[in-house]
Amino acid sequence: AIIPKANVSLPIPSSQLVEKLCNSKAIQNRRFCLKALSTPEVIAAKHTTQIGTLVMKLGEANAKATLNVYNEIIKKPSSPQALNALNCCVEAYKYAILSFEMVSSELV
């Protein structure tokens, strides 16, 4: 009997996906990458697009937390120069949050 070759890609276990991602040349801190991507959601991911979405959501959450810190610092008296620098940071983090949101919504 002739058995046709099927070109079916099986899902790769998440641990292998994460390992492959964290070992890529673009990643400078492999240990941090592995730690950051050891969440139950990432472990349950079936493909790289799901992991990408989760990474964007993680970036968004971290950016929001940092933005909150900057907003608290701004409430305290400081020099005009420091206030100006902090406001620049706030704007940059607002933009970063919007970017993370946009990318993660496109990956879904």
PDB file of N, CA and C in Angstrom:
ATOM      1  N   ALA A   1       0.837  -1.180   0.000  1.00  0.00           N
ATOM      2  CA  ALA A   1       0.000   0.000   0.000  1.00  0.00           C
ATOM      3  C   ALA A   1       0.879   1.239   0.000  1.00  0.00           C
ATOM      4  N   ILE A   2       0.413   2.211  -0.698  1.00  0.00           N
ATOM      5  CA  ILE A   2       1.127   3.495  -0.740  1.00  0.00           C
ATOM      6  C   ILE A   2       0.488   4.416   0.291  1.00  0.00           C
ATOM      7  N   ILE A   3       1.308   4.916   1.162  1.00  0.00           N
ATOM      8  CA  ILE A   3       0.824   5.833   2.201  1.00  0.00           C
ATOM      9  C   ILE A   3       1.300   7.233   1.836  1.00  0.00           C
ATOM     10  N   PRO A   4       0.351   8.127   1.574  1.00  0.00           N
ATOM     11  CA  PRO A   4       0.772   9.488   1.219  1.00  0.00           C
ATOM     12  C   PRO A   4       1.409  10.191   2.410  1.00  0.00           C
ATOM     13  N   LYS A   5       2.383  11.017   2.094  1.00  0.00           N
ATOM     14  CA  LYS A   5       3.019  11.800   3.156  1.00  0.00           C
ATOM     15  C   LYS A   5       2.112  12.967   3.515  1.00  0.00           C
ATOM     16  N   ALA A   6       1.763  13.039   4.748  1.00  0.00           N
ATOM     17  CA  ALA A   6       0.914  14.139   5.213  1.00  0.00           C
ATOM     18  C   ALA A   6       1.801  15.239   5.770  1.00  0.00           C
ATOM     19  N   ASN A   7       1.514  16.435   5.383  1.00  0.00           N
ATOM     20  CA  ASN A   7       2.266  17.586   5.874  1.00  0.00           C
ATOM     21  C   ASN A   7       1.448  18.252   6.978  1.00  0.00           C
ATOM     22  N   VAL A   8       1.395  17.597   8.119  1.00  0.00           N
ATOM     23  CA  VAL A   8       0.606  18.088   9.241  1.00  0.00           C
ATOM     24  C   VAL A   8       1.565  18.496  10.341  1.00  0.00           C
ATOM     25  N   SER A   9       1.437  19.737  10.779  1.00  0.00           N
ATOM     26  CA  SER A   9       2.305  20.175  11.868  1.00  0.00           C
ATOM     27  C   SER A   9       1.606  19.929  13.204  1.00  0.00           C
ATOM     28  N   LEU A  10       2.285  19.202  14.028  1.00  0.00           N
ATOM     29  CA  LEU A  10       1.754  18.924  15.360  1.00  0.00           C
ATOM     30  C   LEU A  10       2.122  20.064  16.286  1.00  0.00           C
ATOM     31  N   PRO A  11       1.256  20.355  17.253  1.00  0.00           N
ATOM     32  CA  PRO A  11       1.611  21.428  18.188  1.00  0.00           C
ATOM     33  C   PRO A  11       2.878  21.068  18.963  1.00  0.00           C
ATOM     34  N   ILE A  12       3.735  22.045  19.118  1.00  0.00           N
ATOM     35  CA  ILE A  12       4.970  21.842  19.884  1.00  0.00           C
ATOM     36  C   ILE A  12       4.675  22.180  21.337  1.00  0.00           C
ATOM     37  N   PRO A  13       5.117  21.335  22.279  1.00  0.00           N
ATOM     38  CA  PRO A  13       4.895  21.677  23.691  1.00  0.00           C
ATOM     39  C   PRO A  13       5.464  23.052  24.007  1.00  0.00           C
ATOM     40  N   SER A  14       4.759  23.791  24.842  1.00  0.00           N
ATOM     41  CA  SER A  14       5.136  25.169  25.146  1.00  0.00           C
ATOM     42  C   SER A  14       6.552  25.279  25.682  1.00  0.00           C
ATOM     43  N   SER A  15       6.962  24.325  26.502  1.00  0.00           N
ATOM     44  CA  SER A  15       8.308  24.418  27.063  1.00  0.00           C
ATOM     45  C   SER A  15       9.355  24.450  25.953  1.00  0.00           C
ATOM     46  N   GLN A  16       9.118  23.707  24.873  1.00  0.00           N
ATOM     47  CA  GLN A  16      10.047  23.733  23.740  1.00  0.00           C
ATOM     48  C   GLN A  16       9.952  25.057  22.985  1.00  0.00           C
ATOM     49  N   LEU A  17       8.739  25.588  22.874  1.00  0.00           N
ATOM     50  CA  LEU A  17       8.568  26.885  22.211  1.00  0.00           C
ATOM     51  C   LEU A  17       9.293  27.980  22.988  1.00  0.00           C
ATOM     52  N   VAL A  18       9.107  27.988  24.292  1.00  0.00           N
ATOM     53  CA  VAL A  18       9.746  28.988  25.148  1.00  0.00           C
ATOM     54  C   VAL A  18      11.258  28.833  25.095  1.00  0.00           C
ATOM     55  N   GLU A  19      11.715  27.604  25.171  1.00  0.00           N
ATOM     56  CA  GLU A  19      13.149  27.332  25.107  1.00  0.00           C
ATOM     57  C   GLU A  19      13.738  27.859  23.792  1.00  0.00           C
ATOM     58  N   LYS A  20      13.050  27.596  22.699  1.00  0.00           N
ATOM     59  CA  LYS A  20      13.511  28.055  21.384  1.00  0.00           C
ATOM     60  C   LYS A  20      13.525  29.584  21.327  1.00  0.00           C
ATOM     61  N   LEU A  21      12.461  30.210  21.823  1.00  0.00           N
ATOM     62  CA  LEU A  21      12.376  31.663  21.826  1.00  0.00           C
ATOM     63  C   LEU A  21      13.484  32.275  22.679  1.00  0.00           C
ATOM     64  N   CYS A  22      13.647  31.767  23.884  1.00  0.00           N
ATOM     65  CA  CYS A  22      14.633  32.342  24.809  1.00  0.00           C
ATOM     66  C   CYS A  22      16.070  32.070  24.379  1.00  0.00           C
ATOM     67  N   ASN A  23      16.276  31.092  23.508  1.00  0.00           N
ATOM     68  CA  ASN A  23      17.615  30.798  23.009  1.00  0.00           C
ATOM     69  C   ASN A  23      17.951  31.548  21.727  1.00  0.00           C
ATOM     70  N   SER A  24      17.007  32.340  21.220  1.00  0.00           N
ATOM     71  CA  SER A  24      17.274  33.056  19.972  1.00  0.00           C
ATOM     72  C   SER A  24      18.311  34.159  20.201  1.00  0.00           C
ATOM     73  N   LYS A  25      18.954  34.554  19.139  1.00  0.00           N
ATOM     74  CA  LYS A  25      20.010  35.570  19.224  1.00  0.00           C
ATOM     75  C   LYS A  25      19.484  36.922  19.701  1.00  0.00           C
ATOM     76  N   ALA A  26      18.201  37.192  19.468  1.00  0.00           N
ATOM     77  CA  ALA A  26      17.623  38.488  19.847  1.00  0.00           C
ATOM     78  C   ALA A  26      17.482  38.633  21.365  1.00  0.00           C
ATOM     79  N   ILE A  27      17.485  37.533  22.080  1.00  0.00           N
ATOM     80  CA  ILE A  27      17.302  37.566  23.538  1.00  0.00           C
ATOM     81  C   ILE A  27      18.661  37.721  24.208  1.00  0.00           C
ATOM     82  N   GLN A  28      18.794  38.800  24.980  1.00  0.00           N
ATOM     83  CA  GLN A  28      20.073  39.063  25.638  1.00  0.00           C
ATOM     84  C   GLN A  28      20.140  38.461  27.037  1.00  0.00           C
ATOM     85  N   ASN A  29      18.992  38.291  27.675  1.00  0.00           N
ATOM     86  CA  ASN A  29      18.980  37.742  29.031  1.00  0.00           C
ATOM     87  C   ASN A  29      18.106  36.490  29.043  1.00  0.00           C
ATOM     88  N   ARG A  30      18.724  35.357  28.735  1.00  0.00           N
ATOM     89  CA  ARG A  30      18.008  34.092  28.619  1.00  0.00           C
ATOM     90  C   ARG A  30      17.317  33.704  29.926  1.00  0.00           C
ATOM     91  N   ARG A  31      17.996  33.887  31.034  1.00  0.00           N
ATOM     92  CA  ARG A  31      17.434  33.510  32.335  1.00  0.00           C
ATOM     93  C   ARG A  31      16.159  34.305  32.627  1.00  0.00           C
ATOM     94  N   PHE A  32      16.190  35.604  32.374  1.00  0.00           N
ATOM     95  CA  PHE A  32      15.002  36.435  32.576  1.00  0.00           C
ATOM     96  C   PHE A  32      13.874  35.985  31.655  1.00  0.00           C
ATOM     97  N   CYS A  33      14.207  35.707  30.400  1.00  0.00           N
ATOM     98  CA  CYS A  33      13.212  35.265  29.424  1.00  0.00           C
ATOM     99  C   CYS A  33      12.512  33.997  29.914  1.00  0.00           C
ATOM    100  N   LEU A  34      13.286  33.013  30.338  1.00  0.00           N
ATOM    101  CA  LEU A  34      12.702  31.759  30.814  1.00  0.00           C
ATOM    102  C   LEU A  34      11.829  31.986  32.054  1.00  0.00           C
ATOM    103  N   LYS A  35      12.286  32.854  32.955  1.00  0.00           N
ATOM    104  CA  LYS A  35      11.511  33.137  34.162  1.00  0.00           C
ATOM    105  C   LYS A  35      10.211  33.869  33.818  1.00  0.00           C
ATOM    106  N   ALA A  36      10.307  34.869  32.950  1.00  0.00           N
ATOM    107  CA  ALA A  36       9.129  35.664  32.586  1.00  0.00           C
ATOM    108  C   ALA A  36       8.087  34.828  31.850  1.00  0.00           C
ATOM    109  N   LEU A  37       8.544  33.840  31.106  1.00  0.00           N
ATOM    110  CA  LEU A  37       7.630  33.024  30.316  1.00  0.00           C
ATOM    111  C   LEU A  37       7.291  31.688  30.980  1.00  0.00           C
ATOM    112  N   SER A  38       7.417  31.634  32.296  1.00  0.00           N
ATOM    113  CA  SER A  38       7.084  30.398  33.008  1.00  0.00           C
ATOM    114  C   SER A  38       5.728  30.501  33.705  1.00  0.00           C
ATOM    115  N   THR A  39       4.818  31.277  33.128  1.00  0.00           N
ATOM    116  CA  THR A  39       3.481  31.424  33.701  1.00  0.00           C
ATOM    117  C   THR A  39       2.581  30.290  33.216  1.00  0.00           C
ATOM    118  N   PRO A  40       1.525  29.987  33.954  1.00  0.00           N
ATOM    119  CA  PRO A  40       0.599  28.919  33.524  1.00  0.00           C
ATOM    120  C   PRO A  40      -0.004  29.182  32.136  1.00  0.00           C
ATOM    121  N   GLU A  41      -0.259  30.458  31.821  1.00  0.00           N
ATOM    122  CA  GLU A  41      -0.829  30.787  30.516  1.00  0.00           C
ATOM    123  C   GLU A  41       0.130  30.436  29.381  1.00  0.00           C
ATOM    124  N   VAL A  42       1.399  30.768  29.577  1.00  0.00           N
ATOM    125  CA  VAL A  42       2.389  30.467  28.538  1.00  0.00           C
ATOM    126  C   VAL A  42       2.600  28.960  28.436  1.00  0.00           C
ATOM    127  N   ILE A  43       2.630  28.300  29.567  1.00  0.00           N
ATOM    128  CA  ILE A  43       2.815  26.847  29.562  1.00  0.00           C
ATOM    129  C   ILE A  43       1.677  26.164  28.797  1.00  0.00           C
ATOM    130  N   ALA A  44       0.480  26.741  28.851  1.00  0.00           N
ATOM    131  CA  ALA A  44      -0.680  26.166  28.159  1.00  0.00           C
ATOM    132  C   ALA A  44      -0.719  26.546  26.676  1.00  0.00           C
ATOM    133  N   ALA A  45       0.128  27.471  26.247  1.00  0.00           N
ATOM    134  CA  ALA A  45       0.113  27.931  24.857  1.00  0.00           C
ATOM    135  C   ALA A  45       0.458  26.795  23.905  1.00  0.00           C
ATOM    136  N   LYS A  46      -0.227  26.793  22.763  1.00  0.00           N
ATOM    137  CA  LYS A  46      -0.030  25.737  21.772  1.00  0.00           C
ATOM    138  C   LYS A  46       0.866  26.163  20.603  1.00  0.00           C
ATOM    139  N   HIS A  47       1.006  27.478  20.402  1.00  0.00           N
ATOM    140  CA  HIS A  47       1.831  27.945  19.298  1.00  0.00           C
ATOM    141  C   HIS A  47       2.420  29.314  19.620  1.00  0.00           C
ATOM    142  N   THR A  48       3.360  29.730  18.788  1.00  0.00           N
ATOM    143  CA  THR A  48       4.111  30.958  19.059  1.00  0.00           C
ATOM    144  C   THR A  48       3.238  32.212  19.046  1.00  0.00           C
ATOM    145  N   THR A  49       2.152  32.202  18.278  1.00  0.00           N
ATOM    146  CA  THR A  49       1.274  33.377  18.259  1.00  0.00           C
ATOM    147  C   THR A  49       0.645  33.593  19.633  1.00  0.00           C
ATOM    148  N   GLN A  50       0.248  32.517  20.289  1.00  0.00           N
ATOM    149  CA  GLN A  50      -0.307  32.646  21.640  1.00  0.00           C
ATOM    150  C   GLN A  50       0.745  33.185  22.595  1.00  0.00           C
ATOM    151  N   ILE A  51       1.958  32.685  22.477  1.00  0.00           N
ATOM    152  CA  ILE A  51       3.033  33.183  23.341  1.00  0.00           C
ATOM    153  C   ILE A  51       3.303  34.653  23.045  1.00  0.00           C
ATOM    154  N   GLY A  52       3.293  35.032  21.774  1.00  0.00           N
ATOM    155  CA  GLY A  52       3.489  36.436  21.405  1.00  0.00           C
ATOM    156  C   GLY A  52       2.437  37.334  22.026  1.00  0.00           C
ATOM    157  N   THR A  53       1.194  36.900  21.989  1.00  0.00           N
ATOM    158  CA  THR A  53       0.107  37.676  22.592  1.00  0.00           C
ATOM    159  C   THR A  53       0.332  37.828  24.089  1.00  0.00           C
ATOM    160  N   LEU A  54       0.727  36.740  24.741  1.00  0.00           N
ATOM    161  CA  LEU A  54       0.967  36.798  26.188  1.00  0.00           C
ATOM    162  C   LEU A  54       2.156  37.698  26.524  1.00  0.00           C
ATOM    163  N   VAL A  55       3.182  37.684  25.688  1.00  0.00           N
ATOM    164  CA  VAL A  55       4.342  38.565  25.899  1.00  0.00           C
ATOM    165  C   VAL A  55       3.917  40.024  25.778  1.00  0.00           C
ATOM    166  N   MET A  56       3.074  40.338  24.801  1.00  0.00           N
ATOM    167  CA  MET A  56       2.586  41.715  24.637  1.00  0.00           C
ATOM    168  C   MET A  56       1.750  42.135  25.847  1.00  0.00           C
ATOM    169  N   LYS A  57       0.924  41.234  26.358  1.00  0.00           N
ATOM    170  CA  LYS A  57       0.108  41.546  27.534  1.00  0.00           C
ATOM    171  C   LYS A  57       0.982  41.734  28.766  1.00  0.00           C
ATOM    172  N   LEU A  58       2.046  40.954  28.871  1.00  0.00           N
ATOM    173  CA  LEU A  58       2.994  41.121  29.975  1.00  0.00           C
ATOM    174  C   LEU A  58       3.687  42.473  29.873  1.00  0.00           C
ATOM    175  N   GLY A  59       4.111  42.842  28.668  1.00  0.00           N
ATOM    176  CA  GLY A  59       4.734  44.154  28.456  1.00  0.00           C
ATOM    177  C   GLY A  59       3.780  45.278  28.803  1.00  0.00           C
ATOM    178  N   GLU A  60       2.520  45.126  28.402  1.00  0.00           N
ATOM    179  CA  GLU A  60       1.500  46.138  28.702  1.00  0.00           C
ATOM    180  C   GLU A  60       1.310  46.282  30.215  1.00  0.00           C
ATOM    181  N   ALA A  61       1.208  45.162  30.917  1.00  0.00           N
ATOM    182  CA  ALA A  61       1.014  45.210  32.373  1.00  0.00           C
ATOM    183  C   ALA A  61       2.201  45.869  33.064  1.00  0.00           C
ATOM    184  N   ASN A  62       3.415  45.539  32.624  1.00  0.00           N
ATOM    185  CA  ASN A  62       4.608  46.146  33.222  1.00  0.00           C
ATOM    186  C   ASN A  62       4.676  47.638  32.919  1.00  0.00           C
ATOM    187  N   ALA A  63       4.312  48.018  31.705  1.00  0.00           N
ATOM    188  CA  ALA A  63       4.320  49.442  31.337  1.00  0.00           C
ATOM    189  C   ALA A  63       3.293  50.217  32.165  1.00  0.00           C
ATOM    190  N   LYS A  64       2.123  49.622  32.383  1.00  0.00           N
ATOM    191  CA  LYS A  64       1.092  50.282  33.202  1.00  0.00           C
ATOM    192  C   LYS A  64       1.572  50.447  34.642  1.00  0.00           C
ATOM    193  N   ALA A  65       2.226  49.430  35.181  1.00  0.00           N
ATOM    194  CA  ALA A  65       2.738  49.523  36.551  1.00  0.00           C
ATOM    195  C   ALA A  65       3.795  50.620  36.659  1.00  0.00           C
ATOM    196  N   THR A  66       4.667  50.711  35.672  1.00  0.00           N
ATOM    197  CA  THR A  66       5.694  51.752  35.680  1.00  0.00           C
ATOM    198  C   THR A  66       5.077  53.130  35.520  1.00  0.00           C
ATOM    199  N   LEU A  67       4.076  53.245  34.658  1.00  0.00           N
ATOM    200  CA  LEU A  67       3.378  54.519  34.477  1.00  0.00           C
ATOM    201  C   LEU A  67       2.757  54.976  35.799  1.00  0.00           C
ATOM    202  N   ASN A  68       2.181  54.052  36.539  1.00  0.00           N
ATOM    203  CA  ASN A  68       1.602  54.396  37.847  1.00  0.00           C
ATOM    204  C   ASN A  68       2.665  54.939  38.801  1.00  0.00           C
ATOM    205  N   VAL A  69       3.855  54.353  38.762  1.00  0.00           N
ATOM    206  CA  VAL A  69       4.950  54.833  39.618  1.00  0.00           C
ATOM    207  C   VAL A  69       5.327  56.259  39.226  1.00  0.00           C
ATOM    208  N   TYR A  70       5.468  56.509  37.931  1.00  0.00           N
ATOM    209  CA  TYR A  70       5.801  57.865  37.480  1.00  0.00           C
ATOM    210  C   TYR A  70       4.716  58.863  37.882  1.00  0.00           C
ATOM    211  N   ASN A  71       3.464  58.467  37.746  1.00  0.00           N
ATOM    212  CA  ASN A  71       2.367  59.366  38.117  1.00  0.00           C
ATOM    213  C   ASN A  71       2.384  59.684  39.610  1.00  0.00           C
ATOM    214  N   GLU A  72       2.795  58.744  40.438  1.00  0.00           N
ATOM    215  CA  GLU A  72       2.909  59.001  41.879  1.00  0.00           C
ATOM    216  C   GLU A  72       4.074  59.938  42.171  1.00  0.00           C
ATOM    217  N   ILE A  73       5.188  59.743  41.472  1.00  0.00           N
ATOM    218  CA  ILE A  73       6.363  60.601  41.686  1.00  0.00           C
ATOM    219  C   ILE A  73       6.046  62.041  41.293  1.00  0.00           C
ATOM    220  N   ILE A  74       5.290  62.212  40.213  1.00  0.00           N
ATOM    221  CA  ILE A  74       4.941  63.557  39.733  1.00  0.00           C
ATOM    222  C   ILE A  74       4.141  64.331  40.775  1.00  0.00           C
ATOM    223  N   LYS A  75       3.375  63.644  41.601  1.00  0.00           N
ATOM    224  CA  LYS A  75       2.543  64.303  42.613  1.00  0.00           C
ATOM    225  C   LYS A  75       3.378  64.947  43.710  1.00  0.00           C
ATOM    226  N   LYS A  76       4.620  64.502  43.865  1.00  0.00           N
ATOM    227  CA  LYS A  76       5.493  65.028  44.916  1.00  0.00           C
ATOM    228  C   LYS A  76       6.259  66.232  44.376  1.00  0.00           C
ATOM    229  N   PRO A  77       6.515  67.216  45.229  1.00  0.00           N
ATOM    230  CA  PRO A  77       7.238  68.409  44.774  1.00  0.00           C
ATOM    231  C   PRO A  77       8.632  68.059  44.255  1.00  0.00           C
ATOM    232  N   SER A  78       8.979  68.655  43.125  1.00  0.00           N
ATOM    233  CA  SER A  78      10.320  68.461  42.571  1.00  0.00           C
ATOM    234  C   SER A  78      10.663  69.660  41.697  1.00  0.00           C
ATOM    235  N   SER A  79      11.854  69.667  41.172  1.00  0.00           N
ATOM    236  CA  SER A  79      12.299  70.786  40.334  1.00  0.00           C
ATOM    237  C   SER A  79      11.544  70.774  39.001  1.00  0.00           C
ATOM    238  N   PRO A  80      11.473  71.921  38.343  1.00  0.00           N
ATOM    239  CA  PRO A  80      10.823  71.977  37.021  1.00  0.00           C
ATOM    240  C   PRO A  80      11.492  71.039  36.003  1.00  0.00           C
ATOM    241  N   GLN A  81      12.807  70.912  36.091  1.00  0.00           N
ATOM    242  CA  GLN A  81      13.519  70.031  35.167  1.00  0.00           C
ATOM    243  C   GLN A  81      13.125  68.563  35.399  1.00  0.00           C
ATOM    244  N   ALA A  82      13.044  68.179  36.673  1.00  0.00           N
ATOM    245  CA  ALA A  82      12.649  66.802  36.988  1.00  0.00           C
ATOM    246  C   ALA A  82      11.210  66.545  36.558  1.00  0.00           C
ATOM    247  N   LEU A  83      10.347  67.507  36.788  1.00  0.00           N
ATOM    248  CA  LEU A  83       8.948  67.373  36.388  1.00  0.00           C
ATOM    249  C   LEU A  83       8.836  67.233  34.868  1.00  0.00           C
ATOM    250  N   ASN A  84       9.615  68.008  34.144  1.00  0.00           N
ATOM    251  CA  ASN A  84       9.611  67.926  32.686  1.00  0.00           C
ATOM    252  C   ASN A  84      10.079  66.540  32.222  1.00  0.00           C
ATOM    253  N   ALA A  85      11.143  66.035  32.829  1.00  0.00           N
ATOM    254  CA  ALA A  85      11.658  64.710  32.462  1.00  0.00           C
ATOM    255  C   ALA A  85      10.631  63.622  32.787  1.00  0.00           C
ATOM    256  N   LEU A  86       9.994  63.732  33.955  1.00  0.00           N
ATOM    257  CA  LEU A  86       8.984  62.749  34.342  1.00  0.00           C
ATOM    258  C   LEU A  86       7.793  62.770  33.385  1.00  0.00           C
ATOM    259  N   ASN A  87       7.386  63.967  32.977  1.00  0.00           N
ATOM    260  CA  ASN A  87       6.278  64.071  32.018  1.00  0.00           C
ATOM    261  C   ASN A  87       6.633  63.431  30.677  1.00  0.00           C
ATOM    262  N   CYS A  88       7.887  63.551  30.265  1.00  0.00           N
ATOM    263  CA  CYS A  88       8.337  62.877  29.038  1.00  0.00           C
ATOM    264  C   CYS A  88       8.244  61.360  29.199  1.00  0.00           C
ATOM    265  N   CYS A  89       8.629  60.874  30.360  1.00  0.00           N
ATOM    266  CA  CYS A  89       8.532  59.436  30.642  1.00  0.00           C
ATOM    267  C   CYS A  89       7.080  58.974  30.617  1.00  0.00           C
ATOM    268  N   VAL A  90       6.204  59.763  31.220  1.00  0.00           N
ATOM    269  CA  VAL A  90       4.776  59.427  31.245  1.00  0.00           C
ATOM    270  C   VAL A  90       4.245  59.299  29.821  1.00  0.00           C
ATOM    271  N   GLU A  91       4.581  60.263  28.976  1.00  0.00           N
ATOM    272  CA  GLU A  91       4.106  60.213  27.590  1.00  0.00           C
ATOM    273  C   GLU A  91       4.661  58.988  26.858  1.00  0.00           C
ATOM    274  N   ALA A  92       5.923  58.677  27.102  1.00  0.00           N
ATOM    275  CA  ALA A  92       6.538  57.515  26.450  1.00  0.00           C
ATOM    276  C   ALA A  92       5.849  56.216  26.894  1.00  0.00           C
ATOM    277  N   TYR A  93       5.545  56.118  28.174  1.00  0.00           N
ATOM    278  CA  TYR A  93       4.882  54.905  28.665  1.00  0.00           C
ATOM    279  C   TYR A  93       3.441  54.813  28.184  1.00  0.00           C
ATOM    280  N   LYS A  94       2.759  55.937  28.048  1.00  0.00           N
ATOM    281  CA  LYS A  94       1.403  55.913  27.489  1.00  0.00           C
ATOM    282  C   LYS A  94       1.438  55.372  26.062  1.00  0.00           C
ATOM    283  N   TYR A  95       2.417  55.842  25.300  1.00  0.00           N
ATOM    284  CA  TYR A  95       2.568  55.384  23.921  1.00  0.00           C
ATOM    285  C   TYR A  95       2.914  53.893  23.883  1.00  0.00           C
ATOM    286  N   ALA A  96       3.798  53.465  24.784  1.00  0.00           N
ATOM    287  CA  ALA A  96       4.185  52.049  24.838  1.00  0.00           C
ATOM    288  C   ALA A  96       2.975  51.172  25.151  1.00  0.00           C
ATOM    289  N   ILE A  97       2.150  51.604  26.093  1.00  0.00           N
ATOM    290  CA  ILE A  97       0.954  50.835  26.465  1.00  0.00           C
ATOM    291  C   ILE A  97       0.026  50.702  25.264  1.00  0.00           C
ATOM    292  N   LEU A  98      -0.203  51.799  24.560  1.00  0.00           N
ATOM    293  CA  LEU A  98      -1.048  51.744  23.366  1.00  0.00           C
ATOM    294  C   LEU A  98      -0.454  50.803  22.309  1.00  0.00           C
ATOM    295  N   SER A  99       0.845  50.830  22.173  1.00  0.00           N
ATOM    296  CA  SER A  99       1.507  49.954  21.201  1.00  0.00           C
ATOM    297  C   SER A  99       1.337  48.488  21.577  1.00  0.00           C
ATOM    298  N   PHE A 100       1.550  48.170  22.857  1.00  0.00           N
ATOM    299  CA  PHE A 100       1.358  46.789  23.311  1.00  0.00           C
ATOM    300  C   PHE A 100      -0.084  46.344  23.079  1.00  0.00           C
ATOM    301  N   GLU A 101      -1.034  47.225  23.403  1.00  0.00           N
ATOM    302  CA  GLU A 101      -2.449  46.888  23.211  1.00  0.00           C
ATOM    303  C   GLU A 101      -2.747  46.629  21.738  1.00  0.00           C
ATOM    304  N   MET A 102      -2.217  47.468  20.879  1.00  0.00           N
ATOM    305  CA  MET A 102      -2.473  47.335  19.448  1.00  0.00           C
ATOM    306  C   MET A 102      -1.895  46.021  18.908  1.00  0.00           C
ATOM    307  N   VAL A 103      -0.669  45.721  19.281  1.00  0.00           N
ATOM    308  CA  VAL A 103      -0.035  44.490  18.787  1.00  0.00           C
ATOM    309  C   VAL A 103      -0.758  43.263  19.326  1.00  0.00           C
ATOM    310  N   SER A 104      -1.074  43.242  20.614  1.00  0.00           N
ATOM    311  CA  SER A 104      -1.729  42.049  21.168  1.00  0.00           C
ATOM    312  C   SER A 104      -3.113  41.845  20.574  1.00  0.00           C
ATOM    313  N   SER A 105      -3.817  42.913  20.229  1.00  0.00           N
ATOM    314  CA  SER A 105      -5.131  42.756  19.607  1.00  0.00           C
ATOM    315  C   SER A 105      -5.018  42.242  18.178  1.00  0.00           C
ATOM    316  N   GLU A 106      -3.914  42.559  17.503  1.00  0.00           N
ATOM    317  CA  GLU A 106      -3.690  42.073  16.146  1.00  0.00           C
ATOM    318  C   GLU A 106      -3.301  40.599  16.135  1.00  0.00           C
ATOM    319  N   LEU A 107      -2.698  40.108  17.205  1.00  0.00           N
ATOM    320  CA  LEU A 107      -2.251  38.717  17.254  1.00  0.00           C
ATOM    321  C   LEU A 107      -3.382  37.750  17.567  1.00  0.00           C
ATOM    322  N   VAL A 108      -4.465  38.252  18.108  1.00  0.00           N
ATOM    323  CA  VAL A 108      -5.555  37.360  18.513  1.00  0.00           C
ATOM    324  C   VAL A 108      -6.297  36.834  17.301  1.00  0.00           C
TER     325      VAL A 108
END
